């Protein structure tokens, strides 16, 4: 992997300066997991631009600002069990895999078969699959993945019309779910069964959760 260190540092420095990147674990993940490895070949020169980029199949790799904002809301940490829905290019899966470390687990769900394979190949470049940290499934993310539940954290990277019931059920008490609902990003913390503390952040745009 050939990394444009200066390009990455400029992008990350800007996100830190603007307050979107804050925590050490997320900043380190952004530094170590190079976005260049997850964008199409003909868009490599745009990898460090703070814009979403097309992946095909009417899907995108999200804008770095948006990913940073969502990961900071999610607050991933070492050893956690995380569900990553709408994994697309695999970038968020790799970022989360770095954050949870060798004792953690990231389950990635992608409903488009070709993107599921793409995300798996991209994430494999960082050995997270070989180490058993990340695994990919080509299934409907609305249903979650009960086999690996309960989860400390659940990240959804596509727009839903409402929060899927299955995701609420598969979240641990004390766990956090971050999901776009229409053009707001919601952060839900599970206080107890069927009791969630909700925060909403407007002003974003996502492709639909399919």
Foldseek 3Di string as FASTA:
>chain_A
DDDPQVLLCVLLVVLVVVPLADDPLLSVLSNVQQQLLQADPVCSVCSSPQQWADPPPPATDHGPSVLSNQCVLQVAAAQFEEEEEQCFSQSSVLSNLSRHDLNYAYEYEHQDVVRQVNNVVSSCVVVSVVSRRYDYDNDQPLQPDQVSFQGQEYEYQAEDCDRRPNVLVRYDQQHWYWHHRAQKIKIWHHPDRVDTDIDIGGDGHGHHRD
